[in-house]
Amino acid sequence: MLPSLFLLRLPLFKNFTTIVYVILLLQAFGGLLVGLIVKHLNNVIKGLTGAVSLVVGTLVSSVVFGGTIDSSFVIGAVIIFTSVRVFTNSNTKTTTKQETGKHT
């Protein structure tokens, strides 16, 4: 018997359904994506992508489940998207200055 099949037969996994396995795989994939983001970018980008994903997730869930969005959420979303915009603009200006400095 394969070790992975043996693990699935343990009492811990007894009542797992297909949707639980799908959620576990999605969470594992998300964890790998976070690791790649931190490795290749920086921690600020990780924080910003986490904040944007929360805003998008809240918007999608409000549409799907019929929730309401109040003014504090809108203010928070505007602050998040403004910070993303400011960070990406300042990051490209820094990169441009560094590239022009290399050529001189």
C-alpha atoms as a PDB file:
ATOM      1  CA  MET A   1       0.000   0.000   0.000  1.00  0.00           C
ATOM      2  CA  LEU A   2       1.291   3.457  -0.883  1.00  0.00           C
ATOM      3  CA  PRO A   3       2.126   5.695   2.097  1.00  0.00           C
ATOM      4  CA  SER A   4      -0.226   8.419   0.856  1.00  0.00           C
ATOM      5  CA  LEU A   5      -3.156   5.995   0.639  1.00  0.00           C
ATOM      6  CA  PHE A   6      -2.341   4.759   4.128  1.00  0.00           C
ATOM      7  CA  LEU A   7      -2.597   8.322   5.443  1.00  0.00           C
ATOM      8  CA  LEU A   8      -6.015   8.766   3.845  1.00  0.00           C
ATOM      9  CA  ARG A   9      -7.318   5.724   5.742  1.00  0.00           C
ATOM     10  CA  LEU A  10      -6.453   7.192   9.145  1.00  0.00           C
ATOM     11  CA  PRO A  11      -9.427   8.162  11.373  1.00  0.00           C
ATOM     12  CA  LEU A  12      -8.488  11.826  10.993  1.00  0.00           C
ATOM     13  CA  PHE A  13      -9.510  11.781   7.313  1.00  0.00           C
ATOM     14  CA  LYS A  14     -12.539   9.492   7.782  1.00  0.00           C
ATOM     15  CA  ASN A  15     -15.327  12.043   7.221  1.00  0.00           C
ATOM     16  CA  PHE A  16     -13.601  14.223   4.637  1.00  0.00           C
ATOM     17  CA  THR A  17     -15.630  14.941   1.514  1.00  0.00           C
ATOM     18  CA  THR A  18     -14.433  15.974  -1.913  1.00  0.00           C
ATOM     19  CA  ILE A  19     -15.001  19.657  -1.166  1.00  0.00           C
ATOM     20  CA  VAL A  20     -12.751  19.393   1.894  1.00  0.00           C
ATOM     21  CA  TYR A  21      -9.956  17.944  -0.225  1.00  0.00           C
ATOM     22  CA  VAL A  22     -10.446  20.724  -2.797  1.00  0.00           C
ATOM     23  CA  ILE A  23     -10.230  23.361  -0.061  1.00  0.00           C
ATOM     24  CA  LEU A  24      -7.090  21.737   1.353  1.00  0.00           C
ATOM     25  CA  LEU A  25      -5.444  21.730  -2.073  1.00  0.00           C
ATOM     26  CA  LEU A  26      -6.388  25.368  -2.681  1.00  0.00           C
ATOM     27  CA  GLN A  27      -4.969  26.391   0.696  1.00  0.00           C
ATOM     28  CA  ALA A  28      -1.748  24.500   0.010  1.00  0.00           C
ATOM     29  CA  PHE A  29      -1.465  26.142  -3.416  1.00  0.00           C
ATOM     30  CA  GLY A  30      -2.081  29.560  -1.832  1.00  0.00           C
ATOM     31  CA  GLY A  31       0.678  28.896   0.680  1.00  0.00           C
ATOM     32  CA  LEU A  32       3.096  28.042  -2.110  1.00  0.00           C
ATOM     33  CA  LEU A  33       2.134  31.255  -3.925  1.00  0.00           C
ATOM     34  CA  VAL A  34       2.809  33.294  -0.784  1.00  0.00           C
ATOM     35  CA  GLY A  35       6.213  31.639  -0.498  1.00  0.00           C
ATOM     36  CA  LEU A  36       7.029  32.515  -4.105  1.00  0.00           C
ATOM     37  CA  ILE A  37       5.902  36.113  -3.628  1.00  0.00           C
ATOM     38  CA  VAL A  38       8.050  36.564  -0.533  1.00  0.00           C
ATOM     39  CA  LYS A  39      11.035  34.875  -2.183  1.00  0.00           C
ATOM     40  CA  HIS A  40      10.973  36.847  -5.422  1.00  0.00           C
ATOM     41  CA  LEU A  41       9.472  40.156  -4.301  1.00  0.00           C
ATOM     42  CA  ASN A  42       9.359  41.577  -0.804  1.00  0.00           C
ATOM     43  CA  ASN A  43       7.234  41.576   2.303  1.00  0.00           C
ATOM     44  CA  VAL A  44       5.471  44.842   1.415  1.00  0.00           C
ATOM     45  CA  ILE A  45       4.124  43.308  -1.794  1.00  0.00           C
ATOM     46  CA  LYS A  46       2.932  40.304   0.229  1.00  0.00           C
ATOM     47  CA  GLY A  47       1.011  42.575   2.569  1.00  0.00           C
ATOM     48  CA  LEU A  48      -0.506  44.567  -0.264  1.00  0.00           C
ATOM     49  CA  THR A  49      -1.600  41.468  -2.178  1.00  0.00           C
ATOM     50  CA  GLY A  50      -3.150  40.088   0.999  1.00  0.00           C
ATOM     51  CA  ALA A  51      -5.098  43.303   1.517  1.00  0.00           C
ATOM     52  CA  VAL A  52      -6.268  43.410  -2.097  1.00  0.00           C
ATOM     53  CA  SER A  53      -7.357  39.774  -1.911  1.00  0.00           C
ATOM     54  CA  LEU A  54      -9.436  40.558   1.188  1.00  0.00           C
ATOM     55  CA  VAL A  55     -11.155  43.438  -0.600  1.00  0.00           C
ATOM     56  CA  VAL A  56     -11.854  41.344  -3.700  1.00  0.00           C
ATOM     57  CA  GLY A  57     -13.050  38.415  -1.581  1.00  0.00           C
ATOM     58  CA  THR A  58     -15.416  40.674   0.341  1.00  0.00           C
ATOM     59  CA  LEU A  59     -16.804  42.158  -2.868  1.00  0.00           C
ATOM     60  CA  VAL A  60     -17.362  38.728  -4.407  1.00  0.00           C
ATOM     61  CA  SER A  61     -19.002  37.358  -1.261  1.00  0.00           C
ATOM     62  CA  SER A  62     -21.285  40.388  -0.999  1.00  0.00           C
ATOM     63  CA  VAL A  63     -22.453  39.800  -4.574  1.00  0.00           C
ATOM     64  CA  VAL A  64     -22.825  36.033  -4.196  1.00  0.00           C
ATOM     65  CA  PHE A  65     -24.430  36.025  -0.743  1.00  0.00           C
ATOM     66  CA  GLY A  66     -26.250  39.353  -0.989  1.00  0.00           C
ATOM     67  CA  GLY A  67     -24.369  41.176   1.748  1.00  0.00           C
ATOM     68  CA  THR A  68     -24.168  44.920   2.163  1.00  0.00           C
ATOM     69  CA  ILE A  69     -21.069  47.069   1.986  1.00  0.00           C
ATOM     70  CA  ASP A  70     -20.872  50.014   4.352  1.00  0.00           C
ATOM     71  CA  SER A  71     -18.893  53.238   4.198  1.00  0.00           C
ATOM     72  CA  SER A  72     -16.039  51.970   6.373  1.00  0.00           C
ATOM     73  CA  PHE A  73     -15.368  49.169   3.879  1.00  0.00           C
ATOM     74  CA  VAL A  74     -15.335  51.635   0.978  1.00  0.00           C
ATOM     75  CA  ILE A  75     -12.922  53.930   2.845  1.00  0.00           C
ATOM     76  CA  GLY A  76     -10.661  50.976   3.659  1.00  0.00           C
ATOM     77  CA  ALA A  77     -10.737  49.746   0.057  1.00  0.00           C
ATOM     78  CA  VAL A  78      -9.835  53.226  -1.227  1.00  0.00           C
ATOM     79  CA  ILE A  79      -6.911  53.409   1.216  1.00  0.00           C
ATOM     80  CA  ILE A  80      -5.687  49.967   0.137  1.00  0.00           C
ATOM     81  CA  PHE A  81      -5.873  50.691  -3.583  1.00  0.00           C
ATOM     82  CA  THR A  82      -4.269  54.113  -3.081  1.00  0.00           C
ATOM     83  CA  SER A  83      -1.381  52.538  -1.184  1.00  0.00           C
ATOM     84  CA  VAL A  84      -0.920  49.960  -3.937  1.00  0.00           C
ATOM     85  CA  ARG A  85      -0.900  52.730  -6.545  1.00  0.00           C
ATOM     86  CA  VAL A  86       1.579  54.872  -4.583  1.00  0.00           C
ATOM     87  CA  PHE A  87       3.875  51.914  -3.933  1.00  0.00           C
ATOM     88  CA  THR A  88       3.914  50.801  -7.578  1.00  0.00           C
ATOM     89  CA  ASN A  89       4.524  54.354  -8.832  1.00  0.00           C
ATOM     90  CA  SER A  90       7.379  54.970  -6.391  1.00  0.00           C
ATOM     91  CA  ASN A  91       8.836  51.553  -7.194  1.00  0.00           C
ATOM     92  CA  THR A  92       8.924  52.239 -10.966  1.00  0.00           C
ATOM     93  CA  LYS A  93      10.517  55.674 -10.447  1.00  0.00           C
ATOM     94  CA  THR A  94      13.242  54.109  -8.296  1.00  0.00           C
ATOM     95  CA  THR A  95      13.850  51.435 -10.916  1.00  0.00           C
ATOM     96  CA  THR A  96      14.061  54.051 -13.681  1.00  0.00           C
ATOM     97  CA  LYS A  97      16.586  56.113 -11.698  1.00  0.00           C
ATOM     98  CA  GLN A  98      18.677  53.028 -11.018  1.00  0.00           C
ATOM     99  CA  GLU A  99      18.621  52.000 -14.687  1.00  0.00           C
ATOM    100  CA  THR A 100      19.661  55.473 -15.882  1.00  0.00           C
ATOM    101  CA  GLY A 101      22.461  55.516 -13.319  1.00  0.00           C
ATOM    102  CA  LYS A 102      23.840  52.263 -14.690  1.00  0.00           C
ATOM    103  CA  HIS A 103      24.165  53.617 -18.215  1.00  0.00           C
ATOM    104  CA  THR A 104      26.155  56.737 -17.301  1.00  0.00           C
END
